[in-house]
Amino acid sequence: MALFDEADPFGRAPKAPPVHEIGQALDALSVSELAERIEILQAEIARLEAMRVSKEASKRAADAFFKQG
């Protein structure tokens, strides 16, 4: 086990990924931080939409199966 993270010669912990809270104050964020948050939220929207499509397909399949009987 290494004493230090090889990516950081000073042994600092890796930076945690940014987290965005809905309604959070945005005044203190830089333009690049705002762009990063937008990318995070767009990726989350895409993930949510994909899950919704999957669940809708599952529901349609279940509805079709139970209506046949």
C-alpha atoms as a PDB file:
ATOM      1  CA  MET A   1       0.000   0.000   0.000  1.00  0.00           C
ATOM      2  CA  ALA A   2       1.435   3.346  -1.053  1.00  0.00           C
ATOM      3  CA  LEU A   3       1.573   6.221   1.392  1.00  0.00           C
ATOM      4  CA  PHE A   4       0.825   8.758  -1.302  1.00  0.00           C
ATOM      5  CA  ASP A   5      -1.507   8.825  -4.256  1.00  0.00           C
ATOM      6  CA  GLU A   6       0.737   8.549  -7.297  1.00  0.00           C
ATOM      7  CA  ALA A   7      -1.434  11.050  -9.183  1.00  0.00           C
ATOM      8  CA  ASP A   8      -0.692  13.711  -6.542  1.00  0.00           C
ATOM      9  CA  PRO A   9       2.893  13.854  -5.199  1.00  0.00           C
ATOM     10  CA  PHE A  10       1.722  15.805  -2.133  1.00  0.00           C
ATOM     11  CA  GLY A  11      -0.638  13.041  -1.000  1.00  0.00           C
ATOM     12  CA  ARG A  12      -3.792  15.111  -1.208  1.00  0.00           C
ATOM     13  CA  ALA A  13      -7.060  13.285  -1.547  1.00  0.00           C
ATOM     14  CA  PRO A  14      -8.519  13.301  -5.053  1.00  0.00           C
ATOM     15  CA  LYS A  15     -10.992  16.110  -5.691  1.00  0.00           C
ATOM     16  CA  ALA A  16     -14.589  14.977  -5.307  1.00  0.00           C
ATOM     17  CA  PRO A  17     -16.746  15.390  -8.387  1.00  0.00           C
ATOM     18  CA  PRO A  18     -19.009  18.440  -8.257  1.00  0.00           C
ATOM     19  CA  VAL A  19     -22.494  17.919  -6.925  1.00  0.00           C
ATOM     20  CA  HIS A  20     -25.351  20.153  -7.868  1.00  0.00           C
ATOM     21  CA  GLU A  21     -28.324  20.723  -5.613  1.00  0.00           C
ATOM     22  CA  ILE A  22     -31.539  21.962  -7.181  1.00  0.00           C
ATOM     23  CA  GLY A  23     -32.123  25.576  -6.091  1.00  0.00           C
ATOM     24  CA  GLN A  24     -28.510  26.058  -4.994  1.00  0.00           C
ATOM     25  CA  ALA A  25     -27.107  29.604  -5.165  1.00  0.00           C
ATOM     26  CA  LEU A  26     -25.140  30.045  -8.398  1.00  0.00           C
ATOM     27  CA  ASP A  27     -23.461  33.399  -7.736  1.00  0.00           C
ATOM     28  CA  ALA A  28     -20.190  31.898  -6.489  1.00  0.00           C
ATOM     29  CA  LEU A  29     -19.723  29.541  -9.471  1.00  0.00           C
ATOM     30  CA  SER A  30     -17.422  30.448 -12.347  1.00  0.00           C
ATOM     31  CA  VAL A  31     -18.417  30.167 -15.993  1.00  0.00           C
ATOM     32  CA  SER A  32     -16.512  26.881 -16.313  1.00  0.00           C
ATOM     33  CA  GLU A  33     -18.137  25.521 -13.156  1.00  0.00           C
ATOM     34  CA  LEU A  34     -21.570  26.469 -14.522  1.00  0.00           C
ATOM     35  CA  ALA A  35     -20.748  24.687 -17.798  1.00  0.00           C
ATOM     36  CA  GLU A  36     -19.638  21.625 -15.826  1.00  0.00           C
ATOM     37  CA  ARG A  37     -22.897  21.623 -13.839  1.00  0.00           C
ATOM     38  CA  ILE A  38     -24.902  21.905 -17.064  1.00  0.00           C
ATOM     39  CA  GLU A  39     -23.085  18.853 -18.455  1.00  0.00           C
ATOM     40  CA  ILE A  40     -23.754  16.916 -15.248  1.00  0.00           C
ATOM     41  CA  LEU A  41     -27.448  17.799 -15.321  1.00  0.00           C
ATOM     42  CA  GLN A  42     -27.786  17.003 -19.044  1.00  0.00           C
ATOM     43  CA  ALA A  43     -26.231  13.581 -18.444  1.00  0.00           C
ATOM     44  CA  GLU A  44     -28.632  12.994 -15.557  1.00  0.00           C
ATOM     45  CA  ILE A  45     -31.618  14.016 -17.714  1.00  0.00           C
ATOM     46  CA  ALA A  46     -30.505  11.551 -20.406  1.00  0.00           C
ATOM     47  CA  ARG A  47     -30.176   8.807 -17.771  1.00  0.00           C
ATOM     48  CA  LEU A  48     -33.660   9.552 -16.421  1.00  0.00           C
ATOM     49  CA  GLU A  49     -35.192   9.587 -19.907  1.00  0.00           C
ATOM     50  CA  ALA A  50     -33.564   6.254 -20.775  1.00  0.00           C
ATOM     51  CA  MET A  51     -34.949   4.697 -17.586  1.00  0.00           C
ATOM     52  CA  ARG A  52     -38.415   6.098 -18.309  1.00  0.00           C
ATOM     53  CA  VAL A  53     -38.361   4.589 -21.821  1.00  0.00           C
ATOM     54  CA  SER A  54     -37.258   1.246 -20.394  1.00  0.00           C
ATOM     55  CA  LYS A  55     -39.982   1.246 -17.748  1.00  0.00           C
ATOM     56  CA  GLU A  56     -42.649   2.266 -20.278  1.00  0.00           C
ATOM     57  CA  ALA A  57     -41.613  -0.649 -22.514  1.00  0.00           C
ATOM     58  CA  SER A  58     -41.786  -3.038 -19.552  1.00  0.00           C
ATOM     59  CA  LYS A  59     -45.232  -1.753 -18.626  1.00  0.00           C
ATOM     60  CA  ARG A  60     -46.499  -2.121 -22.206  1.00  0.00           C
ATOM     61  CA  ALA A  61     -45.179  -5.678 -22.337  1.00  0.00           C
ATOM     62  CA  ALA A  62     -46.840  -6.552 -19.017  1.00  0.00           C
ATOM     63  CA  ASP A  63     -50.114  -4.940 -20.099  1.00  0.00           C
ATOM     64  CA  ALA A  64     -50.062  -6.868 -23.377  1.00  0.00           C
ATOM     65  CA  PHE A  65     -49.314 -10.151 -21.583  1.00  0.00           C
ATOM     66  CA  PHE A  66     -52.110  -9.806 -19.034  1.00  0.00           C
ATOM     67  CA  LYS A  67     -54.678  -8.589 -21.577  1.00  0.00           C
ATOM     68  CA  GLN A  68     -54.204 -11.742 -23.675  1.00  0.00           C
ATOM     69  CA  GLY A  69     -55.434 -14.036 -20.903  1.00  0.00           C
END
